[in-house]
Amino acid sequence: MKKILSLIVVIILLPSFGKAQFNEDQVGAWYMYFFNTTIKESSFGVQGDIQYRNWDMGGDLEQLLIRGGLTYKPKNAAIKFTLGYGNITKGAFGESNTTTSESRIYQEALIPTKLSNRFNLTHRFRYEQRFNDGQDFRTRYRYNLFVNIPITKKALEAKAIYLALYNEIFINGQRDIGHGSRVEIFDINRFYSALGYMINPKAKVQLGMMRQSTNNWNKNQIQVSFHQKF
């Protein structure tokens, strides 16, 4: 009888235990650095980013992402292609110091579109090949629409304050990820809004909020980012 009562208590409390593993109401924070450069006067260049992502405002590691790639921009064309690699260290929510790692190869196409001086759009298409600890090989498709709108000046120039928006959707290439585990085809949607400041034509900072949404949870993340061209 005691075993049956214990089992009933566990079943009743199980949803609460599961929810305690992840706090949707807790605001996280991502601190990010982006860079890109052109190799002399050629069509080739290098880009990359370092992102320190936290479940909270700092200290509870969600991800440490280090990524870089070789870019190619055809002459007389606005599109830019990238072949890159990323290494991601992922932390568990809460007090656990357990981490897992992911290696990721990606291909990307970046297509800027200028509707006017005040409306700057960029389309980004990205295809990823993912190697996660304890999972089968996976792929993922991503599409991001960026919108930058200057507020205090007529164009994105030095000392301009601007509104930065984007929405990115992630689609998994496979549902089976090994060991009997499955994921949904829809992975994540990220919506972001921020204020940015153009320090000069080659450097800018942004402070904003991103809303991450999946089929199972939603979470807000503060983002602080510095973007630099060499």
Protein backbone atom coordinates (compact mmCIF):
# COMPACT_ATOMS: atom_id res chain seq x y z
CA MET A 1 0.00 0.00 0.00
CA LYS A 2 2.83 2.40 0.85
CA LYS A 3 4.43 1.75 -2.54
CA ILE A 4 1.14 2.52 -4.30
CA LEU A 5 0.69 5.77 -2.34
CA SER A 6 4.28 6.76 -3.09
CA LEU A 7 3.73 6.12 -6.80
CA ILE A 8 0.57 8.26 -6.77
CA VAL A 9 2.47 11.13 -5.10
CA VAL A 10 5.26 10.92 -7.70
CA ILE A 11 2.74 10.96 -10.56
CA ILE A 12 0.97 14.00 -9.10
CA LEU A 13 4.20 15.92 -8.51
CA LEU A 14 5.95 14.92 -11.74
CA PRO A 15 4.62 17.87 -13.81
CA SER A 16 5.86 20.27 -11.13
CA PHE A 17 9.26 18.61 -11.09
CA GLY A 18 9.44 18.88 -14.88
CA LYS A 19 8.49 22.53 -14.87
CA ALA A 20 11.15 23.29 -12.26
CA GLN A 21 13.78 22.22 -14.76
CA PHE A 22 13.07 25.32 -16.86
CA ASN A 23 11.74 28.72 -15.81
CA GLU A 24 10.02 30.48 -18.70
CA ASP A 25 9.42 33.59 -16.59
CA GLN A 26 13.11 34.14 -15.89
CA VAL A 27 14.65 36.62 -18.32
CA GLY A 28 17.91 35.46 -19.85
CA ALA A 29 20.73 37.52 -21.31
CA TRP A 30 22.92 37.12 -24.38
CA TYR A 31 26.17 39.07 -24.74
CA MET A 32 27.45 39.03 -28.33
CA TYR A 33 30.29 40.24 -30.53
CA PHE A 34 30.07 40.13 -34.35
CA PHE A 35 32.81 40.95 -36.83
CA ASN A 36 33.41 40.84 -40.57
CA THR A 37 36.17 41.95 -42.87
CA THR A 38 37.20 41.85 -46.53
CA ILE A 39 40.55 40.37 -47.52
CA LYS A 40 42.28 43.31 -49.19
CA GLU A 41 40.38 44.28 -52.35
CA SER A 42 39.21 40.76 -53.19
CA SER A 43 35.72 39.25 -53.19
CA PHE A 44 36.66 37.12 -50.19
CA GLY A 45 36.39 37.92 -46.52
CA VAL A 46 35.98 36.54 -43.02
CA GLN A 47 33.10 36.85 -40.57
CA GLY A 48 32.39 35.46 -37.13
CA ASP A 49 30.77 35.92 -33.76
CA ILE A 50 31.20 35.03 -30.11
CA GLN A 51 28.06 34.72 -27.98
CA TYR A 52 27.81 34.15 -24.25
CA ARG A 53 24.22 33.10 -23.60
CA ASN A 54 22.73 32.77 -20.12
CA TRP A 55 19.53 31.31 -18.72
CA ASP A 56 19.55 34.26 -16.30
CA MET A 57 21.26 37.67 -16.45
CA GLY A 58 24.67 36.09 -16.01
CA GLY A 59 26.38 33.02 -14.60
CA ASP A 60 23.92 30.26 -15.50
CA LEU A 61 25.36 29.18 -18.84
CA GLU A 62 22.90 28.38 -21.62
CA GLN A 63 25.39 28.38 -24.50
CA LEU A 64 28.87 29.58 -25.36
CA LEU A 65 28.95 29.88 -29.14
CA ILE A 66 32.09 30.55 -31.17
CA ARG A 67 31.57 30.73 -34.93
CA GLY A 68 33.53 31.84 -37.98
CA GLY A 69 33.40 31.53 -41.73
CA LEU A 70 34.89 32.42 -45.08
CA THR A 71 32.75 34.80 -47.15
CA TYR A 72 32.50 35.38 -50.88
CA LYS A 73 30.76 38.37 -52.48
CA PRO A 74 30.59 38.31 -56.29
CA LYS A 75 31.55 41.58 -57.95
CA ASN A 76 28.63 43.81 -58.94
CA ALA A 77 26.22 41.73 -56.83
CA ALA A 78 24.67 42.44 -53.44
CA ILE A 79 24.55 38.81 -52.28
CA LYS A 80 27.19 37.38 -49.92
CA PHE A 81 27.89 33.66 -49.42
CA THR A 82 29.48 32.10 -46.33
CA LEU A 83 30.93 28.70 -45.52
CA GLY A 84 31.52 28.42 -41.80
CA TYR A 85 31.97 26.37 -38.66
CA GLY A 86 30.65 26.82 -35.14
CA ASN A 87 31.43 25.22 -31.80
CA ILE A 88 28.75 25.39 -29.10
CA THR A 89 29.06 24.47 -25.42
CA LYS A 90 25.61 24.01 -23.88
CA GLY A 91 24.84 24.27 -20.19
CA ALA A 92 21.93 22.81 -18.23
CA PHE A 93 19.39 25.11 -16.59
CA GLY A 94 19.88 25.70 -12.87
CA GLU A 95 22.69 24.76 -10.53
CA SER A 96 24.03 21.86 -12.60
CA ASN A 97 27.46 22.37 -14.20
CA THR A 98 26.82 19.63 -16.76
CA THR A 99 27.61 20.65 -20.33
CA THR A 100 27.29 19.10 -23.78
CA SER A 101 28.89 20.20 -27.02
CA GLU A 102 27.88 20.63 -30.64
CA SER A 103 29.99 21.09 -33.77
CA ARG A 104 28.19 22.78 -36.62
CA ILE A 105 29.03 23.39 -40.28
CA TYR A 106 26.89 25.94 -42.08
CA GLN A 107 26.32 27.53 -45.47
CA GLU A 108 24.69 30.94 -45.73
CA ALA A 109 23.40 33.46 -48.25
CA LEU A 110 22.92 37.09 -47.17
CA ILE A 111 20.85 39.33 -49.44
CA PRO A 112 20.52 43.02 -48.46
CA THR A 113 17.66 45.06 -49.93
CA LYS A 114 17.33 48.81 -49.54
CA LEU A 115 13.74 49.96 -49.94
CA SER A 116 14.71 53.55 -49.13
CA ASN A 117 17.20 55.44 -46.96
CA ARG A 118 15.04 54.62 -43.96
CA PHE A 119 14.18 50.99 -44.64
CA ASN A 120 17.07 48.54 -44.85
CA LEU A 121 16.10 44.87 -45.23
CA THR A 122 18.36 41.83 -45.21
CA HIS A 123 17.34 38.24 -45.98
CA ARG A 124 19.51 35.48 -44.54
CA PHE A 125 19.18 31.85 -45.58
CA ARG A 126 21.25 29.36 -43.60
CA TYR A 127 21.66 25.57 -43.83
CA GLU A 128 23.33 23.75 -40.93
CA GLN A 129 24.87 20.33 -40.46
CA ARG A 130 24.90 19.53 -36.75
CA PHE A 131 26.95 17.06 -34.71
CA ASN A 132 25.55 16.94 -31.16
CA ASP A 133 26.79 14.87 -28.24
CA GLY A 134 24.63 11.76 -27.87
CA GLN A 135 22.57 12.38 -31.02
CA ASP A 136 22.58 11.30 -34.63
CA PHE A 137 23.74 13.67 -37.36
CA ARG A 138 21.14 16.40 -37.86
CA THR A 139 20.42 19.23 -40.29
CA ARG A 140 18.46 22.44 -39.89
CA TYR A 141 17.12 25.21 -42.15
CA ARG A 142 16.94 28.83 -41.02
CA TYR A 143 15.46 31.98 -42.52
CA ASN A 144 15.92 35.42 -40.97
CA LEU A 145 14.46 38.77 -42.08
CA PHE A 146 16.32 41.79 -40.62
CA VAL A 147 14.91 45.33 -40.70
CA ASN A 148 16.92 48.41 -39.66
CA ILE A 149 15.22 51.82 -39.60
CA PRO A 150 17.16 55.01 -38.72
CA ILE A 151 15.34 57.25 -36.25
CA THR A 152 17.48 60.33 -35.58
CA LYS A 153 19.00 60.59 -39.06
CA LYS A 154 17.82 59.95 -42.59
CA ALA A 155 20.25 57.06 -43.14
CA LEU A 156 22.32 54.55 -41.19
CA GLU A 157 25.33 56.79 -40.70
CA ALA A 158 27.60 57.82 -37.85
CA LYS A 159 25.79 58.83 -34.62
CA ALA A 160 22.44 57.58 -35.89
CA ILE A 161 20.05 55.90 -33.48
CA TYR A 162 18.03 53.21 -35.24
CA LEU A 163 15.36 50.59 -34.69
CA ALA A 164 16.52 47.02 -35.28
CA LEU A 165 14.00 44.22 -35.86
CA TYR A 166 14.28 40.63 -36.98
CA ASN A 167 12.35 37.41 -37.08
CA GLU A 168 14.03 34.05 -37.62
CA ILE A 169 12.42 30.65 -38.06
CA PHE A 170 14.25 27.32 -37.57
CA ILE A 171 13.11 24.11 -39.29
CA ASN A 172 14.62 20.71 -38.47
CA GLY A 173 15.70 18.54 -41.36
CA GLN A 174 15.00 15.29 -39.49
CA ARG A 175 12.69 14.22 -36.69
CA ASP A 176 14.60 11.13 -35.49
CA ILE A 177 17.76 12.18 -33.62
CA GLY A 178 18.82 8.77 -32.30
CA HIS A 179 18.25 6.52 -29.28
CA GLY A 180 14.50 6.62 -29.82
CA SER A 181 14.28 10.41 -29.45
CA ARG A 182 12.34 12.62 -31.86
CA VAL A 183 11.97 16.36 -32.39
CA GLU A 184 9.35 18.42 -34.15
CA ILE A 185 9.85 19.72 -37.68
CA PHE A 186 9.37 23.25 -36.31
CA ASP A 187 12.27 24.01 -34.00
CA ILE A 188 12.34 27.65 -32.86
CA ASN A 189 11.05 31.09 -33.77
CA ARG A 190 12.97 34.16 -32.61
CA PHE A 191 11.50 37.67 -32.69
CA TYR A 192 13.81 40.54 -31.79
CA SER A 193 13.43 44.29 -31.33
CA ALA A 194 16.14 46.70 -30.24
CA LEU A 195 17.57 50.17 -30.35
CA GLY A 196 20.93 50.54 -32.04
CA TYR A 197 23.56 53.27 -32.20
CA MET A 198 25.96 53.76 -35.11
CA ILE A 199 29.27 54.70 -33.48
CA ASN A 200 30.77 55.12 -36.96
CA PRO A 201 30.24 53.42 -40.35
CA LYS A 202 32.22 50.40 -39.13
CA ALA A 203 30.94 49.94 -35.59
CA LYS A 204 27.55 49.81 -33.91
CA VAL A 205 25.94 48.62 -30.67
CA GLN A 206 22.46 47.25 -30.01
CA LEU A 207 20.37 46.68 -26.89
CA GLY A 208 17.12 44.79 -27.24
CA MET A 209 14.82 41.94 -26.29
CA MET A 210 14.35 38.65 -28.10
CA ARG A 211 11.37 36.31 -27.67
CA GLN A 212 12.17 32.65 -28.30
CA SER A 213 9.19 30.37 -28.98
CA THR A 214 8.94 26.61 -29.45
CA ASN A 215 6.02 24.19 -29.31
CA ASN A 216 6.76 23.63 -25.61
CA TRP A 217 8.04 26.90 -24.13
CA ASN A 218 8.56 30.64 -24.60
CA LYS A 219 11.36 32.72 -23.10
CA ASN A 220 12.54 36.35 -23.21
CA GLN A 221 16.21 37.16 -23.64
CA ILE A 222 17.90 40.53 -23.27
CA GLN A 223 20.54 40.96 -25.98
CA VAL A 224 23.57 43.24 -25.89
CA SER A 225 25.64 43.16 -29.06
CA PHE A 226 28.62 44.93 -30.62
CA HIS A 227 29.08 44.76 -34.41
CA GLN A 228 32.39 45.64 -36.06
CA LYS A 229 33.80 45.84 -39.59
CA PHE A 230 37.52 45.89 -40.30
